[in-house]
Structures are given as C-alpha cells and as structure tokens.
Amino acid sequence: MMVEVVVSRIGVDATNQSFVVILREKEGTRLLPIWIGQPEAESIVMEMQSIKRARPLTHDLCKSIIIGLGGTLRRVQITRVEKNTYYAELHIYRGDDIVRVDARPSDSIAIALRLAAPIFASEQLLASPDDDDDSQEGDAPRAEHHDDLSAEQLKRYLETLRPEDFGKFNL
C-alpha cells in the first residue's frame, strides 16, 4: 500500500557528509530517510525556499519537458529499496495514457515539488519514530531568500543543520 508523504527536512549526515532528505507521512508521524547527492539536495531546498537561478536547473528542464509535451505529473511513488538503493517512479499522464518513468527518488522529489505533485512511499519503507524521541516534527528548515544564492552558500547552509533534528535517525 502507498502512503502520501511530504518533505520534512533536509540535512547532512555527519558521519560521511552526505545529504539526507527526511520524508514524513502526511497524516502521521512515520518517517523515511533517503540519502541523496548534493546537487539534488540543493535543487530540493531551492524549490522549497522559492530560490530562483538565472538559468533553469535539470529538474526545471524536466518540468518544462513534461508540460511542453502536454503531460501532467500526477504522482511520484517511492516503491522499494534493494541493496541500500531506493527506487521511484514518476506517473505522467497525457490524455488517457499513463507513462511510468523509472527515476531516482531524489530527482522524483525535486520534480514533484516543482509540479506540485503528491509524493507516495510504500508503507513498508516507513518507520515510526522512537517513543523516547524529544525532537519536534516540523517543516523543512527555512533558508533566507536570495535570488543569487551560490551553490557554496547553499552547501554551507545545509551543513549547519543539526543531525539531532532527525530524531531516531541520528546521523
């Protein structure tokens, strides 16, 4: 069964300096952490914070292609994990036809945010937070709005997020 999720937080795994997106069940508290690359983390944060670049990024291009071909992104599904690799699908509708496109979850999330499409995860991938967890659930961290925010500035911002914010997924 698929459960709708939202992007809760993005941070840095202190053990290996990789980025993590935390998805939270929309109508609940279960979480799904997915380790992602820096470009995808930057793209997700930029869209969440309405930060615009002078030239479109790859995920902006994907949005333009979907719309330009007369399609609608109806949903993203994070379907499974195999050997520490997560799999996702873009469900693109064009008229009465549906096209399912295999994609990385990080790219799928960045595109879904740009097209205001819901994100779903397989229920078996979601984990409940620890009962003794003190951390507060909340929205993704807020970056300052800068039209010309550099990749280095965004990277420094992401690196200042505290691993303790991830509850049982202390990184």
C-alpha atoms as a PDB file:
ATOM      1  CA  MET A   1       0.000   0.000   0.000  1.00  0.00           C
ATOM      2  CA  MET A   2       1.197   3.523  -0.782  1.00  0.00           C
ATOM      3  CA  VAL A   3       1.133   6.325   1.810  1.00  0.00           C
ATOM      4  CA  GLU A   4       1.367  10.019   0.977  1.00  0.00           C
ATOM      5  CA  VAL A   5       4.493  11.693   2.362  1.00  0.00           C
ATOM      6  CA  VAL A   6       5.896  15.223   2.450  1.00  0.00           C
ATOM      7  CA  VAL A   7       9.432  16.553   2.634  1.00  0.00           C
ATOM      8  CA  SER A   8      10.021  17.225   6.323  1.00  0.00           C
ATOM      9  CA  ARG A   9      13.718  18.096   6.472  1.00  0.00           C
ATOM     10  CA  ILE A  10      16.991  18.042   4.594  1.00  0.00           C
ATOM     11  CA  GLY A  11      20.299  17.781   6.378  1.00  0.00           C
ATOM     12  CA  VAL A  12      23.823  16.429   6.321  1.00  0.00           C
ATOM     13  CA  ASP A  13      24.856  13.022   7.640  1.00  0.00           C
ATOM     14  CA  ALA A  14      27.738  13.971   9.944  1.00  0.00           C
ATOM     15  CA  THR A  15      29.390  10.564   9.581  1.00  0.00           C
ATOM     16  CA  ASN A  16      30.009  10.775   5.845  1.00  0.00           C
ATOM     17  CA  GLN A  17      28.993  14.331   4.863  1.00  0.00           C
ATOM     18  CA  SER A  18      26.250  13.068   2.534  1.00  0.00           C
ATOM     19  CA  PHE A  19      22.857  14.731   2.335  1.00  0.00           C
ATOM     20  CA  VAL A  20      19.639  13.196   3.691  1.00  0.00           C
ATOM     21  CA  VAL A  21      16.050  14.044   2.821  1.00  0.00           C
ATOM     22  CA  ILE A  22      13.550  13.057   5.505  1.00  0.00           C
ATOM     23  CA  LEU A  23      10.064  12.281   4.239  1.00  0.00           C
ATOM     24  CA  ARG A  24       7.234  12.272   6.793  1.00  0.00           C
ATOM     25  CA  GLU A  25       3.888  10.577   6.485  1.00  0.00           C
ATOM     26  CA  LYS A  26       1.383  13.320   5.579  1.00  0.00           C
ATOM     27  CA  GLU A  27      -1.266  12.099   8.022  1.00  0.00           C
ATOM     28  CA  GLY A  28       1.035  10.618  10.637  1.00  0.00           C
ATOM     29  CA  THR A  29       4.476  10.505  12.210  1.00  0.00           C
ATOM     30  CA  ARG A  30       6.295   7.736  10.349  1.00  0.00           C
ATOM     31  CA  LEU A  31       9.488   8.753   8.577  1.00  0.00           C
ATOM     32  CA  LEU A  32      11.587   7.722   5.599  1.00  0.00           C
ATOM     33  CA  PRO A  33      15.194   8.984   5.398  1.00  0.00           C
ATOM     34  CA  ILE A  34      16.834   8.785   1.968  1.00  0.00           C
ATOM     35  CA  TRP A  35      20.495   9.658   1.414  1.00  0.00           C
ATOM     36  CA  ILE A  36      20.893  11.832  -1.685  1.00  0.00           C
ATOM     37  CA  GLY A  37      23.553  13.745  -3.585  1.00  0.00           C
ATOM     38  CA  GLN A  38      24.458  17.391  -3.065  1.00  0.00           C
ATOM     39  CA  PRO A  39      23.012  18.635  -6.404  1.00  0.00           C
ATOM     40  CA  GLU A  40      19.657  17.003  -5.652  1.00  0.00           C
ATOM     41  CA  ALA A  41      19.635  18.361  -2.081  1.00  0.00           C
ATOM     42  CA  GLU A  42      20.349  21.847  -3.403  1.00  0.00           C
ATOM     43  CA  SER A  43      17.623  21.524  -6.021  1.00  0.00           C
ATOM     44  CA  ILE A  44      15.038  20.383  -3.464  1.00  0.00           C
ATOM     45  CA  VAL A  45      15.915  23.146  -0.990  1.00  0.00           C
ATOM     46  CA  MET A  46      15.945  25.778  -3.730  1.00  0.00           C
ATOM     47  CA  GLU A  47      12.419  24.830  -4.794  1.00  0.00           C
ATOM     48  CA  MET A  48      11.125  24.643  -1.201  1.00  0.00           C
ATOM     49  CA  GLN A  49      12.544  28.092  -0.492  1.00  0.00           C
ATOM     50  CA  SER A  50      11.493  29.613  -3.851  1.00  0.00           C
ATOM     51  CA  ILE A  51      15.109  30.376  -4.730  1.00  0.00           C
ATOM     52  CA  LYS A  52      15.419  31.001  -8.456  1.00  0.00           C
ATOM     53  CA  ARG A  53      18.526  30.844 -10.603  1.00  0.00           C
ATOM     54  CA  ALA A  54      19.073  32.862 -13.759  1.00  0.00           C
ATOM     55  CA  ARG A  55      19.143  29.639 -15.804  1.00  0.00           C
ATOM     56  CA  PRO A  56      16.938  26.564 -15.261  1.00  0.00           C
ATOM     57  CA  LEU A  57      18.355  23.563 -13.433  1.00  0.00           C
ATOM     58  CA  THR A  58      17.913  20.000 -14.687  1.00  0.00           C
ATOM     59  CA  HIS A  59      14.748  19.499 -12.615  1.00  0.00           C
ATOM     60  CA  ASP A  60      13.306  22.724 -14.045  1.00  0.00           C
ATOM     61  CA  LEU A  61      14.055  21.340 -17.502  1.00  0.00           C
ATOM     62  CA  CYS A  62      12.206  18.113 -16.644  1.00  0.00           C
ATOM     63  CA  LYS A  63       9.207  20.192 -15.559  1.00  0.00           C
ATOM     64  CA  SER A  64       9.279  22.107 -18.856  1.00  0.00           C
ATOM     65  CA  ILE A  65       9.523  18.883 -20.877  1.00  0.00           C
ATOM     66  CA  ILE A  66       6.564  17.276 -19.088  1.00  0.00           C
ATOM     67  CA  ILE A  67       4.406  20.382 -19.550  1.00  0.00           C
ATOM     68  CA  GLY A  68       5.669  21.026 -23.100  1.00  0.00           C
ATOM     69  CA  LEU A  69       4.668  17.519 -24.179  1.00  0.00           C
ATOM     70  CA  GLY A  70       1.179  18.013 -22.765  1.00  0.00           C
ATOM     71  CA  GLY A  71       1.723  15.825 -19.727  1.00  0.00           C
ATOM     72  CA  THR A  72       0.759  16.120 -16.077  1.00  0.00           C
ATOM     73  CA  LEU A  73       2.776  14.640 -13.246  1.00  0.00           C
ATOM     74  CA  ARG A  74       0.022  13.064 -11.178  1.00  0.00           C
ATOM     75  CA  ARG A  75       2.199  11.448  -8.534  1.00  0.00           C
ATOM     76  CA  VAL A  76       5.608  10.161  -7.545  1.00  0.00           C
ATOM     77  CA  GLN A  77       5.937   6.759  -5.901  1.00  0.00           C
ATOM     78  CA  ILE A  78       8.927   5.549  -3.903  1.00  0.00           C
ATOM     79  CA  THR A  79       8.370   1.870  -4.431  1.00  0.00           C
ATOM     80  CA  ARG A  80      11.133  -0.174  -2.836  1.00  0.00           C
ATOM     81  CA  VAL A  81      14.688  -0.444  -1.586  1.00  0.00           C
ATOM     82  CA  GLU A  82      17.155  -3.083  -2.772  1.00  0.00           C
ATOM     83  CA  LYS A  83      20.764  -3.284  -1.560  1.00  0.00           C
ATOM     84  CA  ASN A  84      20.517   0.208   0.004  1.00  0.00           C
ATOM     85  CA  THR A  85      19.226   1.702  -3.267  1.00  0.00           C
ATOM     86  CA  TYR A  86      15.764   3.265  -3.333  1.00  0.00           C
ATOM     87  CA  TYR A  87      13.588   3.124  -6.438  1.00  0.00           C
ATOM     88  CA  ALA A  88      10.894   5.544  -7.543  1.00  0.00           C
ATOM     89  CA  GLU A  89       8.515   6.160 -10.422  1.00  0.00           C
ATOM     90  CA  LEU A  90       7.098   9.293 -11.992  1.00  0.00           C
ATOM     91  CA  HIS A  91       3.459   8.797 -13.058  1.00  0.00           C
ATOM     92  CA  ILE A  92       2.937  11.100 -16.024  1.00  0.00           C
ATOM     93  CA  TYR A  93      -0.499  11.374 -17.596  1.00  0.00           C
ATOM     94  CA  ARG A  94      -1.078  12.583 -21.139  1.00  0.00           C
ATOM     95  CA  GLY A  95      -4.723  12.421 -22.088  1.00  0.00           C
ATOM     96  CA  ASP A  96      -5.919   8.903 -21.293  1.00  0.00           C
ATOM     97  CA  ASP A  97      -2.403   7.468 -21.314  1.00  0.00           C
ATOM     98  CA  ILE A  98      -0.146   6.995 -18.305  1.00  0.00           C
ATOM     99  CA  VAL A  99       3.602   6.680 -18.580  1.00  0.00           C
ATOM    100  CA  ARG A 100       5.542   5.321 -15.611  1.00  0.00           C
ATOM    101  CA  VAL A 101       9.115   6.555 -15.652  1.00  0.00           C
ATOM    102  CA  ASP A 102      11.782   4.890 -13.508  1.00  0.00           C
ATOM    103  CA  ALA A 103      13.706   7.570 -11.601  1.00  0.00           C
ATOM    104  CA  ARG A 104      15.819   8.120  -8.526  1.00  0.00           C
ATOM    105  CA  PRO A 105      13.782   9.257  -5.502  1.00  0.00           C
ATOM    106  CA  SER A 106      15.861  12.439  -5.149  1.00  0.00           C
ATOM    107  CA  ASP A 107      15.134  13.517  -8.728  1.00  0.00           C
ATOM    108  CA  SER A 108      11.498  12.462  -8.376  1.00  0.00           C
ATOM    109  CA  ILE A 109      11.071  14.582  -5.241  1.00  0.00           C
ATOM    110  CA  ALA A 110      12.684  17.640  -6.862  1.00  0.00           C
ATOM    111  CA  ILE A 111      10.404  17.320  -9.913  1.00  0.00           C
ATOM    112  CA  ALA A 112       7.279  16.642  -7.811  1.00  0.00           C
ATOM    113  CA  LEU A 113       7.889  19.814  -5.793  1.00  0.00           C
ATOM    114  CA  ARG A 114       8.171  21.860  -8.994  1.00  0.00           C
ATOM    115  CA  LEU A 115       4.909  20.456 -10.353  1.00  0.00           C
ATOM    116  CA  ALA A 116       3.008  20.349  -7.034  1.00  0.00           C
ATOM    117  CA  ALA A 117       2.519  16.597  -7.422  1.00  0.00           C
ATOM    118  CA  PRO A 118       1.932  14.362  -4.408  1.00  0.00           C
ATOM    119  CA  ILE A 119       4.680  12.012  -3.254  1.00  0.00           C
ATOM    120  CA  PHE A 120       3.868   8.499  -2.061  1.00  0.00           C
ATOM    121  CA  ALA A 121       6.038   5.856  -0.399  1.00  0.00           C
ATOM    122  CA  SER A 122       5.464   2.174   0.036  1.00  0.00           C
ATOM    123  CA  GLU A 123       4.123   1.652   3.555  1.00  0.00           C
ATOM    124  CA  GLN A 124       6.786  -0.957   4.305  1.00  0.00           C
ATOM    125  CA  LEU A 125       9.519   1.683   3.865  1.00  0.00           C
ATOM    126  CA  LEU A 126       8.165   3.968   6.607  1.00  0.00           C
ATOM    127  CA  ALA A 127       9.471   3.736  10.178  1.00  0.00           C
ATOM    128  CA  SER A 128       7.880   5.037  13.370  1.00  0.00           C
ATOM    129  CA  PRO A 129       9.932   7.477  15.449  1.00  0.00           C
ATOM    130  CA  ASP A 130      11.199   6.226  18.839  1.00  0.00           C
ATOM    131  CA  ASP A 131       8.797   6.728  21.729  1.00  0.00           C
ATOM    132  CA  ASP A 132      11.519   8.499  23.747  1.00  0.00           C
ATOM    133  CA  ASP A 133      12.304  10.913  20.927  1.00  0.00           C
ATOM    134  CA  ASP A 134      12.406  14.540  22.138  1.00  0.00           C
ATOM    135  CA  SER A 135      12.746  16.139  18.726  1.00  0.00           C
ATOM    136  CA  GLN A 136       9.928  18.192  17.290  1.00  0.00           C
ATOM    137  CA  GLU A 137       8.346  17.303  13.986  1.00  0.00           C
ATOM    138  CA  GLY A 138       8.121  20.296  11.753  1.00  0.00           C
ATOM    139  CA  ASP A 139       8.594  21.793   8.376  1.00  0.00           C
ATOM    140  CA  ALA A 140      11.811  21.817   6.453  1.00  0.00           C
ATOM    141  CA  PRO A 141      14.343  24.392   7.587  1.00  0.00           C
ATOM    142  CA  ARG A 142      13.925  27.855   6.177  1.00  0.00           C
ATOM    143  CA  ALA A 143      16.723  29.370   4.147  1.00  0.00           C
ATOM    144  CA  GLU A 144      16.934  33.068   3.547  1.00  0.00           C
ATOM    145  CA  HIS A 145      15.507  34.127   0.205  1.00  0.00           C
ATOM    146  CA  HIS A 146      18.317  35.070  -2.163  1.00  0.00           C
ATOM    147  CA  ASP A 147      17.864  35.214  -5.924  1.00  0.00           C
ATOM    148  CA  ASP A 148      21.591  34.757  -6.440  1.00  0.00           C
ATOM    149  CA  LEU A 149      22.397  32.237  -3.705  1.00  0.00           C
ATOM    150  CA  SER A 150      25.516  30.365  -4.781  1.00  0.00           C
ATOM    151  CA  ALA A 151      25.899  26.602  -4.558  1.00  0.00           C
ATOM    152  CA  GLU A 152      28.629  27.138  -1.971  1.00  0.00           C
ATOM    153  CA  GLN A 153      26.354  29.319   0.205  1.00  0.00           C
ATOM    154  CA  LEU A 154      23.578  26.740  -0.017  1.00  0.00           C
ATOM    155  CA  LYS A 155      26.030  23.950   0.837  1.00  0.00           C
ATOM    156  CA  ARG A 156      27.202  25.896   3.929  1.00  0.00           C
ATOM    157  CA  TYR A 157      23.564  26.401   4.950  1.00  0.00           C
ATOM    158  CA  LEU A 158      22.786  22.691   4.618  1.00  0.00           C
ATOM    159  CA  GLU A 159      25.932  21.771   6.544  1.00  0.00           C
ATOM    160  CA  THR A 160      24.816  23.844   9.553  1.00  0.00           C
ATOM    161  CA  LEU A 161      21.709  21.719  10.101  1.00  0.00           C
ATOM    162  CA  ARG A 162      21.978  19.615  13.253  1.00  0.00           C
ATOM    163  CA  PRO A 163      21.845  15.826  12.994  1.00  0.00           C
ATOM    164  CA  GLU A 164      19.871  15.780  16.261  1.00  0.00           C
ATOM    165  CA  ASP A 165      16.926  17.191  14.306  1.00  0.00           C
ATOM    166  CA  PHE A 166      16.359  13.779  12.762  1.00  0.00           C
ATOM    167  CA  GLY A 167      15.052  12.001  15.866  1.00  0.00           C
ATOM    168  CA  LYS A 168      15.740   8.284  15.800  1.00  0.00           C
ATOM    169  CA  PHE A 169      17.646   8.735  12.563  1.00  0.00           C
ATOM    170  CA  ASN A 170      20.503  10.456  14.413  1.00  0.00           C
ATOM    171  CA  LEU A 171      23.083  10.731  11.732  1.00  0.00           C
END
